Amino acid sequence: LVIGREECALYEIGSAENVRAMDPGVRLSRVTLGA
């Protein structure tokens, strides 16, 4: 989900690379957007 002032949109994820999170209770990923 991408939340912006002018548009809020829901995308598929094209690719995802895991990133270590400061908060151990969450997953972080560096992603590219798909459709």
Full PDB file with SEQRES, HELIX, SHEET, SSBOND, CRYST1, ORIGX, SCALE, CONECT and MASTER records, all heavy atoms in Angstrom:
SEQRES   1 A   35  LEU VAL ILE GLY ARG GLU GLU CYS ALA LEU TYR GLU ILE          
SEQRES   2 A   35  GLY SER ALA GLU ASN VAL ARG ALA MET ASP PRO GLY VAL          
SEQRES   3 A   35  ARG LEU SER ARG VAL THR LEU GLY ALA                          
SHEET    1 AA1 2 VAL A   2  ILE A   3  0                                        
SHEET    2 AA1 2 CYS A   8  ALA A   9 -1                                        
SHEET    1 AA2 2 ILE A  13  VAL A  19  0                                        
SHEET    2 AA2 2 LEU A  28  LEU A  33 -1                                        
CRYST1    1.000    1.000    1.000  90.00  90.00  90.00 P 1           1          
ORIGX1      1.000000  0.000000  0.000000        0.00000                         
ORIGX2      0.000000  1.000000  0.000000        0.00000                         
ORIGX3      0.000000  0.000000  1.000000        0.00000                         
SCALE1      1.000000  0.000000  0.000000        0.00000                         
SCALE2      0.000000  1.000000  0.000000        0.00000                         
SCALE3      0.000000  0.000000  1.000000        0.00000                         
ATOM      1  N   LEU A   1       0.839  -1.186   0.000  1.00  0.00           N  
ATOM      2  CA  LEU A   1       0.000   0.000   0.000  1.00  0.00           C  
ATOM      3  C   LEU A   1       0.882   1.247   0.000  1.00  0.00           C  
ATOM      4  O   LEU A   1       1.816   1.344   0.793  1.00  0.00           O  
ATOM      5  CB  LEU A   1      -0.910  -0.015   1.226  1.00  0.00           C  
ATOM      6  CG  LEU A   1      -1.861   1.170   1.436  1.00  0.00           C  
ATOM      7  CD1 LEU A   1      -2.898   1.234   0.321  1.00  0.00           C  
ATOM      8  CD2 LEU A   1      -2.554   1.060   2.801  1.00  0.00           C  
ATOM      9  N   VAL A   2       0.574   2.176  -0.893  1.00  0.00           N  
ATOM     10  CA  VAL A   2       1.282   3.452  -0.965  1.00  0.00           C  
ATOM     11  C   VAL A   2       0.280   4.545  -0.621  1.00  0.00           C  
ATOM     12  O   VAL A   2      -0.737   4.710  -1.319  1.00  0.00           O  
ATOM     13  CB  VAL A   2       1.872   3.700  -2.369  1.00  0.00           C  
ATOM     14  CG1 VAL A   2       2.625   5.034  -2.391  1.00  0.00           C  
ATOM     15  CG2 VAL A   2       2.804   2.559  -2.770  1.00  0.00           C  
ATOM     16  N   ILE A   3       0.542   5.277   0.461  1.00  0.00           N  
ATOM     17  CA  ILE A   3      -0.374   6.318   0.914  1.00  0.00           C  
ATOM     18  C   ILE A   3       0.233   7.680   0.610  1.00  0.00           C  
ATOM     19  O   ILE A   3       1.316   8.005   1.107  1.00  0.00           O  
ATOM     20  CB  ILE A   3      -0.668   6.187   2.419  1.00  0.00           C  
ATOM     21  CG1 ILE A   3      -1.359   4.851   2.703  1.00  0.00           C  
ATOM     22  CG2 ILE A   3      -1.539   7.345   2.899  1.00  0.00           C  
ATOM     23  CD1 ILE A   3      -1.661   4.625   4.167  1.00  0.00           C  
ATOM     24  N   GLY A   4      -0.441   8.472  -0.210  1.00  0.00           N  
ATOM     25  CA  GLY A   4       0.019   9.816  -0.542  1.00  0.00           C  
ATOM     26  C   GLY A   4      -1.110  10.811  -0.391  1.00  0.00           C  
ATOM     27  O   GLY A   4      -2.277  10.441  -0.246  1.00  0.00           O  
ATOM     28  N   ARG A   5      -0.765  12.080  -0.430  1.00  0.00           N  
ATOM     29  CA  ARG A   5      -1.777  13.122  -0.293  1.00  0.00           C  
ATOM     30  C   ARG A   5      -2.750  13.123  -1.475  1.00  0.00           C  
ATOM     31  O   ARG A   5      -3.942  13.323  -1.307  1.00  0.00           O  
ATOM     32  CB  ARG A   5      -1.106  14.484  -0.182  1.00  0.00           C  
ATOM     33  CG  ARG A   5      -0.558  14.779   1.201  1.00  0.00           C  
ATOM     34  CD  ARG A   5      -1.673  15.183   2.146  1.00  0.00           C  
ATOM     35  NE  ARG A   5      -1.200  15.298   3.515  1.00  0.00           N  
ATOM     36  CZ  ARG A   5      -1.991  15.583   4.540  1.00  0.00           C  
ATOM     37  NH1 ARG A   5      -3.290  15.738   4.339  1.00  0.00           N  
ATOM     38  NH2 ARG A   5      -1.511  15.675   5.755  1.00  0.00           N  
ATOM     39  N   GLU A   6      -2.213  12.921  -2.665  1.00  0.00           N  
ATOM     40  CA  GLU A   6      -3.051  13.035  -3.859  1.00  0.00           C  
ATOM     41  C   GLU A   6      -3.568  11.695  -4.361  1.00  0.00           C  
ATOM     42  O   GLU A   6      -4.531  11.645  -5.112  1.00  0.00           O  
ATOM     43  CB  GLU A   6      -2.268  13.735  -4.971  1.00  0.00           C  
ATOM     44  CG  GLU A   6      -1.806  15.136  -4.603  1.00  0.00           C  
ATOM     45  CD  GLU A   6      -2.946  16.031  -4.129  1.00  0.00           C  
ATOM     46  OE1 GLU A   6      -4.056  15.938  -4.714  1.00  0.00           O  
ATOM     47  OE2 GLU A   6      -2.727  16.812  -3.182  1.00  0.00           O  
ATOM     48  N   GLU A   7      -2.923  10.595  -3.966  1.00  0.00           N  
ATOM     49  CA  GLU A   7      -3.388   9.270  -4.385  1.00  0.00           C  
ATOM     50  C   GLU A   7      -2.951   8.225  -3.366  1.00  0.00           C  
ATOM     51  O   GLU A   7      -1.843   8.292  -2.843  1.00  0.00           O  
ATOM     52  CB  GLU A   7      -2.822   8.899  -5.761  1.00  0.00           C  
ATOM     53  CG  GLU A   7      -3.330   7.548  -6.260  1.00  0.00           C  
ATOM     54  CD  GLU A   7      -2.715   7.112  -7.577  1.00  0.00           C  
ATOM     55  OE1 GLU A   7      -1.488   6.841  -7.591  1.00  0.00           O  
ATOM     56  OE2 GLU A   7      -3.454   7.041  -8.577  1.00  0.00           O  
ATOM     57  N   CYS A   8      -3.837   7.292  -3.112  1.00  0.00           N  
ATOM     58  CA  CYS A   8      -3.510   6.108  -2.323  1.00  0.00           C  
ATOM     59  C   CYS A   8      -3.725   4.907  -3.240  1.00  0.00           C  
ATOM     60  O   CYS A   8      -4.787   4.797  -3.874  1.00  0.00           O  
ATOM     61  CB  CYS A   8      -4.395   6.001  -1.082  1.00  0.00           C  
ATOM     62  SG  CYS A   8      -4.203   7.393   0.057  1.00  0.00           S  
ATOM     63  N   ALA A   9      -2.730   4.033  -3.333  1.00  0.00           N  
ATOM     64  CA  ALA A   9      -2.798   2.956  -4.313  1.00  0.00           C  
ATOM     65  C   ALA A   9      -2.255   1.661  -3.741  1.00  0.00           C  
ATOM     66  O   ALA A   9      -1.436   1.655  -2.812  1.00  0.00           O  
ATOM     67  CB  ALA A   9      -2.027   3.339  -5.577  1.00  0.00           C  
ATOM     68  N   LEU A  10      -2.712   0.570  -4.322  1.00  0.00           N  
ATOM     69  CA  LEU A  10      -2.320  -0.773  -3.915  1.00  0.00           C  
ATOM     70  C   LEU A  10      -1.649  -1.445  -5.109  1.00  0.00           C  
ATOM     71  O   LEU A  10      -2.228  -1.522  -6.192  1.00  0.00           O  
ATOM     72  CB  LEU A  10      -3.558  -1.557  -3.475  1.00  0.00           C  
ATOM     73  CG  LEU A  10      -3.375  -2.870  -2.732  1.00  0.00           C  
ATOM     74  CD1 LEU A  10      -2.566  -2.692  -1.450  1.00  0.00           C  
ATOM     75  CD2 LEU A  10      -4.738  -3.466  -2.401  1.00  0.00           C  
ATOM     76  N   TYR A  11      -0.395  -1.898  -4.898  1.00  0.00           N  
ATOM     77  CA  TYR A  11       0.402  -2.457  -5.980  1.00  0.00           C  
ATOM     78  C   TYR A  11       0.798  -3.902  -5.686  1.00  0.00           C  
ATOM     79  O   TYR A  11       0.952  -4.289  -4.514  1.00  0.00           O  
ATOM     80  CB  TYR A  11       1.696  -1.669  -6.167  1.00  0.00           C  
ATOM     81  CG  TYR A  11       1.540  -0.272  -6.692  1.00  0.00           C  
ATOM     82  CD1 TYR A  11       1.323   0.795  -5.823  1.00  0.00           C  
ATOM     83  CD2 TYR A  11       1.631  -0.002  -8.051  1.00  0.00           C  
ATOM     84  CE1 TYR A  11       1.196   2.095  -6.297  1.00  0.00           C  
ATOM     85  CE2 TYR A  11       1.508   1.293  -8.532  1.00  0.00           C  
ATOM     86  CZ  TYR A  11       1.291   2.335  -7.651  1.00  0.00           C  
ATOM     87  OH  TYR A  11       1.174   3.604  -8.126  1.00  0.00           O  
ATOM     88  N   GLU A  12       1.009  -4.653  -6.759  1.00  0.00           N  
ATOM     89  CA  GLU A  12       1.723  -5.906  -6.643  1.00  0.00           C  
ATOM     90  C   GLU A  12       3.209  -5.597  -6.456  1.00  0.00           C  
ATOM     91  O   GLU A  12       3.672  -4.517  -6.819  1.00  0.00           O  
ATOM     92  CB  GLU A  12       1.516  -6.749  -7.900  1.00  0.00           C  
ATOM     93  CG  GLU A  12       0.081  -7.209  -8.097  1.00  0.00           C  
ATOM     94  CD  GLU A  12      -0.113  -7.981  -9.393  1.00  0.00           C  
ATOM     95  OE1 GLU A  12       0.879  -8.087 -10.169  1.00  0.00           O  
ATOM     96  OE2 GLU A  12      -1.233  -8.455  -9.642  1.00  0.00           O  
ATOM     97  N   ILE A  13       3.937  -6.537  -5.890  1.00  0.00           N  
ATOM     98  CA  ILE A  13       5.372  -6.357  -5.688  1.00  0.00           C  
ATOM     99  C   ILE A  13       6.112  -7.048  -6.826  1.00  0.00           C  
ATOM    100  O   ILE A  13       5.941  -8.254  -7.055  1.00  0.00           O  
ATOM    101  CB  ILE A  13       5.813  -6.907  -4.325  1.00  0.00           C  
ATOM    102  CG1 ILE A  13       5.196  -6.054  -3.210  1.00  0.00           C  
ATOM    103  CG2 ILE A  13       7.331  -6.938  -4.198  1.00  0.00           C  
ATOM    104  CD1 ILE A  13       5.486  -6.548  -1.817  1.00  0.00           C  
ATOM    105  N   GLY A  14       6.935  -6.262  -7.535  1.00  0.00           N  
ATOM    106  CA  GLY A  14       7.691  -6.832  -8.638  1.00  0.00           C  
ATOM    107  C   GLY A  14       8.850  -7.680  -8.159  1.00  0.00           C  
ATOM    108  O   GLY A  14       9.031  -8.830  -8.558  1.00  0.00           O  
ATOM    109  N   SER A  15       9.668  -7.108  -7.284  1.00  0.00           N  
ATOM    110  CA  SER A  15      10.787  -7.836  -6.695  1.00  0.00           C  
ATOM    111  C   SER A  15      10.997  -7.326  -5.281  1.00  0.00           C  
ATOM    112  O   SER A  15      10.583  -6.206  -4.943  1.00  0.00           O  
ATOM    113  CB  SER A  15      12.069  -7.648  -7.520  1.00  0.00           C  
ATOM    114  OG  SER A  15      12.460  -6.286  -7.525  1.00  0.00           O  
ATOM    115  N   ALA A  16      11.621  -8.142  -4.440  1.00  0.00           N  
ATOM    116  CA  ALA A  16      11.821  -7.768  -3.045  1.00  0.00           C  
ATOM    117  C   ALA A  16      13.162  -8.286  -2.557  1.00  0.00           C  
ATOM    118  O   ALA A  16      13.536  -9.430  -2.821  1.00  0.00           O  
ATOM    119  CB  ALA A  16      10.694  -8.329  -2.173  1.00  0.00           C  
ATOM    120  N   GLU A  17      13.884  -7.419  -1.857  1.00  0.00           N  
ATOM    121  CA  GLU A  17      15.173  -7.781  -1.263  1.00  0.00           C  
ATOM    122  C   GLU A  17      15.099  -7.509   0.234  1.00  0.00           C  
ATOM    123  O   GLU A  17      14.837  -6.370   0.652  1.00  0.00           O  
ATOM    124  CB  GLU A  17      16.289  -6.946  -1.889  1.00  0.00           C  
ATOM    125  CG  GLU A  17      17.650  -7.152  -1.246  1.00  0.00           C  
ATOM    126  CD  GLU A  17      18.671  -6.129  -1.708  1.00  0.00           C  
ATOM    127  OE1 GLU A  17      18.327  -5.277  -2.557  1.00  0.00           O  
ATOM    128  OE2 GLU A  17      19.805  -6.166  -1.205  1.00  0.00           O  
ATOM    129  N   ASN A  18      15.272  -8.536   1.042  1.00  0.00           N  
ATOM    130  CA  ASN A  18      15.160  -8.371   2.483  1.00  0.00           C  
ATOM    131  C   ASN A  18      16.218  -7.413   3.022  1.00  0.00           C  
ATOM    132  O   ASN A  18      17.374  -7.427   2.596  1.00  0.00           O  
ATOM    133  CB  ASN A  18      15.288  -9.723   3.186  1.00  0.00           C  
ATOM    134  CG  ASN A  18      14.101 -10.631   2.929  1.00  0.00           C  
ATOM    135  OD1 ASN A  18      13.017 -10.172   2.585  1.00  0.00           O  
ATOM    136  ND2 ASN A  18      14.299 -11.929   3.080  1.00  0.00           N  
ATOM    137  N   VAL A  19      15.800  -6.588   3.970  1.00  0.00           N  
ATOM    138  CA  VAL A  19      16.676  -5.631   4.635  1.00  0.00           C  
ATOM    139  C   VAL A  19      16.523  -5.828   6.134  1.00  0.00           C  
ATOM    140  O   VAL A  19      15.400  -6.006   6.626  1.00  0.00           O  
ATOM    141  CB  VAL A  19      16.303  -4.172   4.258  1.00  0.00           C  
ATOM    142  CG1 VAL A  19      17.175  -3.182   5.002  1.00  0.00           C  
ATOM    143  CG2 VAL A  19      16.423  -3.965   2.754  1.00  0.00           C  
ATOM    144  N   ARG A  20      17.615  -5.799   6.856  1.00  0.00           N  
ATOM    145  CA  ARG A  20      17.527  -5.981   8.313  1.00  0.00           C  
ATOM    146  C   ARG A  20      16.809  -4.795   8.936  1.00  0.00           C  
ATOM    147  O   ARG A  20      17.136  -3.642   8.671  1.00  0.00           O  
ATOM    148  CB  ARG A  20      18.925  -6.125   8.913  1.00  0.00           C  
ATOM    149  CG  ARG A  20      18.888  -6.409  10.409  1.00  0.00           C  
ATOM    150  CD  ARG A  20      20.282  -6.591  10.978  1.00  0.00           C  
ATOM    151  NE  ARG A  20      20.233  -6.839  12.411  1.00  0.00           N  
ATOM    152  CZ  ARG A  20      21.308  -6.960  13.181  1.00  0.00           C  
ATOM    153  NH1 ARG A  20      22.519  -6.861  12.635  1.00  0.00           N  
ATOM    154  NH2 ARG A  20      21.189  -7.175  14.477  1.00  0.00           N  
ATOM    155  N   ALA A  21      15.841  -5.084   9.778  1.00  0.00           N  
ATOM    156  CA  ALA A  21      15.049  -4.039  10.422  1.00  0.00           C  
ATOM    157  C   ALA A  21      15.578  -3.733  11.814  1.00  0.00           C  
ATOM    158  O   ALA A  21      16.031  -4.623  12.532  1.00  0.00           O  
ATOM    159  CB  ALA A  21      13.586  -4.475  10.516  1.00  0.00           C  
ATOM    160  N   MET A  22      15.509  -2.467  12.201  1.00  0.00           N  
ATOM    161  CA  MET A  22      15.850  -2.086  13.569  1.00  0.00           C  
ATOM    162  C   MET A  22      14.887  -2.734  14.558  1.00  0.00           C  
ATOM    163  O   MET A  22      15.285  -3.216  15.615  1.00  0.00           O  
ATOM    164  CB  MET A  22      15.791  -0.567  13.712  1.00  0.00           C  
ATOM    165  CG  MET A  22      16.000  -0.055  15.133  1.00  0.00           C  
ATOM    166  SD  MET A  22      15.650   1.700  15.292  1.00  0.00           S  
ATOM    167  CE  MET A  22      13.896   1.743  14.954  1.00  0.00           C  
ATOM    168  N   ASP A  23      13.610  -2.739  14.200  1.00  0.00           N  
ATOM    169  CA  ASP A  23      12.580  -3.366  15.029  1.00  0.00           C  
ATOM    170  C   ASP A  23      12.549  -4.857  14.689  1.00  0.00           C  
ATOM    171  O   ASP A  23      12.186  -5.230  13.576  1.00  0.00           O  
ATOM    172  CB  ASP A  23      11.221  -2.730  14.736  1.00  0.00           C  
ATOM    173  CG  ASP A  23      10.090  -3.282  15.601  1.00  0.00           C  
ATOM    174  OD1 ASP A  23      10.265  -4.371  16.189  1.00  0.00           O  
ATOM    175  OD2 ASP A  23       9.029  -2.641  15.664  1.00  0.00           O  
ATOM    176  N   PRO A  24      12.924  -5.736  15.623  1.00  0.00           N  
ATOM    177  CA  PRO A  24      12.965  -7.166  15.299  1.00  0.00           C  
ATOM    178  C   PRO A  24      11.605  -7.783  15.054  1.00  0.00           C  
ATOM    179  O   PRO A  24      11.520  -8.906  14.550  1.00  0.00           O  
ATOM    180  CB  PRO A  24      13.632  -7.776  16.543  1.00  0.00           C  
ATOM    181  CG  PRO A  24      13.302  -6.824  17.658  1.00  0.00           C  
ATOM    182  CD  PRO A  24      13.317  -5.468  17.021  1.00  0.00           C  
ATOM    183  N   GLY A  25      10.540  -7.068  15.378  1.00  0.00           N  
ATOM    184  CA  GLY A  25       9.200  -7.608  15.199  1.00  0.00           C  
ATOM    185  C   GLY A  25       8.595  -7.348  13.836  1.00  0.00           C  
ATOM    186  O   GLY A  25       7.430  -7.665  13.617  1.00  0.00           O  
ATOM    187  N   VAL A  26       9.371  -6.759  12.909  1.00  0.00           N  
ATOM    188  CA  VAL A  26       8.838  -6.493  11.571  1.00  0.00           C  
ATOM    189  C   VAL A  26       9.809  -7.016  10.515  1.00  0.00           C  
ATOM    190  O   VAL A  26      10.984  -7.263  10.785  1.00  0.00           O  
ATOM    191  CB  VAL A  26       8.600  -4.981  11.319  1.00  0.00           C  
ATOM    192  CG1 VAL A  26       7.702  -4.383  12.384  1.00  0.00           C  
ATOM    193  CG2 VAL A  26       9.914  -4.229  11.261  1.00  0.00           C  
ATOM    194  N   ARG A  27       9.288  -7.183   9.307  1.00  0.00           N  
ATOM    195  CA  ARG A  27      10.123  -7.478   8.145  1.00  0.00           C  
ATOM    196  C   ARG A  27      10.236  -6.210   7.307  1.00  0.00           C  
ATOM    197  O   ARG A  27       9.253  -5.493   7.125  1.00  0.00           O  
ATOM    198  CB  ARG A  27       9.510  -8.580   7.279  1.00  0.00           C  
ATOM    199  CG  ARG A  27       9.468  -9.947   7.911  1.00  0.00           C  
ATOM    200  CD  ARG A  27       8.806 -10.932   6.954  1.00  0.00           C  
ATOM    201  NE  ARG A  27       7.451 -10.522   6.625  1.00  0.00           N  
ATOM    202  CZ  ARG A  27       6.777 -10.941   5.547  1.00  0.00           C  
ATOM    203  NH1 ARG A  27       7.353 -11.752   4.691  1.00  0.00           N  
ATOM    204  NH2 ARG A  27       5.546 -10.549   5.325  1.00  0.00           N  
ATOM    205  N   LEU A  28      11.418  -5.953   6.787  1.00  0.00           N  
ATOM    206  CA  LEU A  28      11.619  -4.854   5.853  1.00  0.00           C  
ATOM    207  C   LEU A  28      12.141  -5.416   4.546  1.00  0.00           C  
ATOM    208  O   LEU A  28      12.981  -6.317   4.541  1.00  0.00           O  
ATOM    209  CB  LEU A  28      12.625  -3.837   6.399  1.00  0.00           C  
ATOM    210  CG  LEU A  28      12.158  -2.811   7.439  1.00  0.00           C  
ATOM    211  CD1 LEU A  28      13.285  -1.831   7.731  1.00  0.00           C  
ATOM    212  CD2 LEU A  28      10.923  -2.066   6.975  1.00  0.00           C  
ATOM    213  N   SER A  29      11.663  -4.864   3.451  1.00  0.00           N  
ATOM    214  CA  SER A  29      12.127  -5.278   2.133  1.00  0.00           C  
ATOM    215  C   SER A  29      12.290  -4.049   1.251  1.00  0.00           C  
ATOM    216  O   SER A  29      11.478  -3.108   1.324  1.00  0.00           O  
ATOM    217  CB  SER A  29      11.132  -6.235   1.466  1.00  0.00           C  
ATOM    218  OG  SER A  29      10.903  -7.376   2.259  1.00  0.00           O  
ATOM    219  N   ARG A  30      13.329  -4.066   0.441  1.00  0.00           N  
ATOM    220  CA  ARG A  30      13.474  -3.046  -0.599  1.00  0.00           C  
ATOM    221  C   ARG A  30      12.800  -3.608  -1.843  1.00  0.00           C  
ATOM    222  O   ARG A  30      13.203  -4.646  -2.348  1.00  0.00           O  
ATOM    223  CB  ARG A  30      14.946  -2.724  -0.839  1.00  0.00           C  
ATOM    224  CG  ARG A  30      15.171  -1.601  -1.837  1.00  0.00           C  
ATOM    225  CD  ARG A  30      16.598  -1.091  -1.813  1.00  0.00           C  
ATOM    226  NE  ARG A  30      16.833  -0.249  -0.646  1.00  0.00           N  
ATOM    227  CZ  ARG A  30      17.582  -0.602   0.398  1.00  0.00           C  
ATOM    228  NH1 ARG A  30      18.166  -1.789   0.410  1.00  0.00           N  
ATOM    229  NH2 ARG A  30      17.750   0.212   1.416  1.00  0.00           N  
ATOM    230  N   VAL A  31      11.761  -2.924  -2.321  1.00  0.00           N  
ATOM    231  CA  VAL A  31      10.906  -3.515  -3.360  1.00  0.00           C  
ATOM    232  C   VAL A  31      10.844  -2.643  -4.602  1.00  0.00           C  
ATOM    233  O   VAL A  31      11.116  -1.444  -4.567  1.00  0.00           O  
ATOM    234  CB  VAL A  31       9.468  -3.740  -2.828  1.00  0.00           C  
ATOM    235  CG1 VAL A  31       9.469  -4.636  -1.610  1.00  0.00           C  
ATOM    236  CG2 VAL A  31       8.784  -2.413  -2.510  1.00  0.00           C  
ATOM    237  N   THR A  32      10.477  -3.296  -5.688  1.00  0.00           N  
ATOM    238  CA  THR A  32      10.065  -2.594  -6.905  1.00  0.00           C  
ATOM    239  C   THR A  32       8.584  -2.888  -7.101  1.00  0.00           C  
ATOM    240  O   THR A  32       8.099  -3.971  -6.760  1.00  0.00           O  
ATOM    241  CB  THR A  32      10.856  -3.057  -8.139  1.00  0.00           C  
ATOM    242  OG1 THR A  32      10.675  -4.473  -8.314  1.00  0.00           O  
ATOM    243  CG2 THR A  32      12.339  -2.761  -7.964  1.00  0.00           C  
ATOM    244  N   LEU A  33       7.880  -1.920  -7.640  1.00  0.00           N  
ATOM    245  CA  LEU A  33       6.435  -2.056  -7.780  1.00  0.00           C  
ATOM    246  C   LEU A  33       6.068  -2.721  -9.092  1.00  0.00           C  
ATOM    247  O   LEU A  33       6.677  -2.471 -10.135  1.00  0.00           O  
ATOM    248  CB  LEU A  33       5.767  -0.685  -7.695  1.00  0.00           C  
ATOM    249  CG  LEU A  33       5.972   0.095  -6.392  1.00  0.00           C  
ATOM    250  CD1 LEU A  33       5.219   1.412  -6.436  1.00  0.00           C  
ATOM    251  CD2 LEU A  33       5.553  -0.727  -5.184  1.00  0.00           C  
ATOM    252  N   GLY A  34       5.038  -3.564  -9.025  1.00  0.00           N  
ATOM    253  CA  GLY A  34       4.479  -4.196 -10.207  1.00  0.00           C  
ATOM    254  C   GLY A  34       3.186  -3.527 -10.606  1.00  0.00           C  
ATOM    255  O   GLY A  34       3.044  -2.303 -10.511  1.00  0.00           O  
ATOM    256  N   ALA A  35       2.210  -4.310 -10.998  1.00  0.00           N  
ATOM    257  CA  ALA A  35       0.937  -3.780 -11.483  1.00  0.00           C  
ATOM    258  C   ALA A  35       0.151  -3.101 -10.367  1.00  0.00           C  
ATOM    259  O   ALA A  35       0.189  -3.520  -9.208  1.00  0.00           O  
ATOM    260  CB  ALA A  35       0.105  -4.909 -12.088  1.00  0.00           C  
TER     261      ALA A  35                                                      
MASTER        0    0    0    0    4    0    0    6  260    1    0    3          
END                                                                             
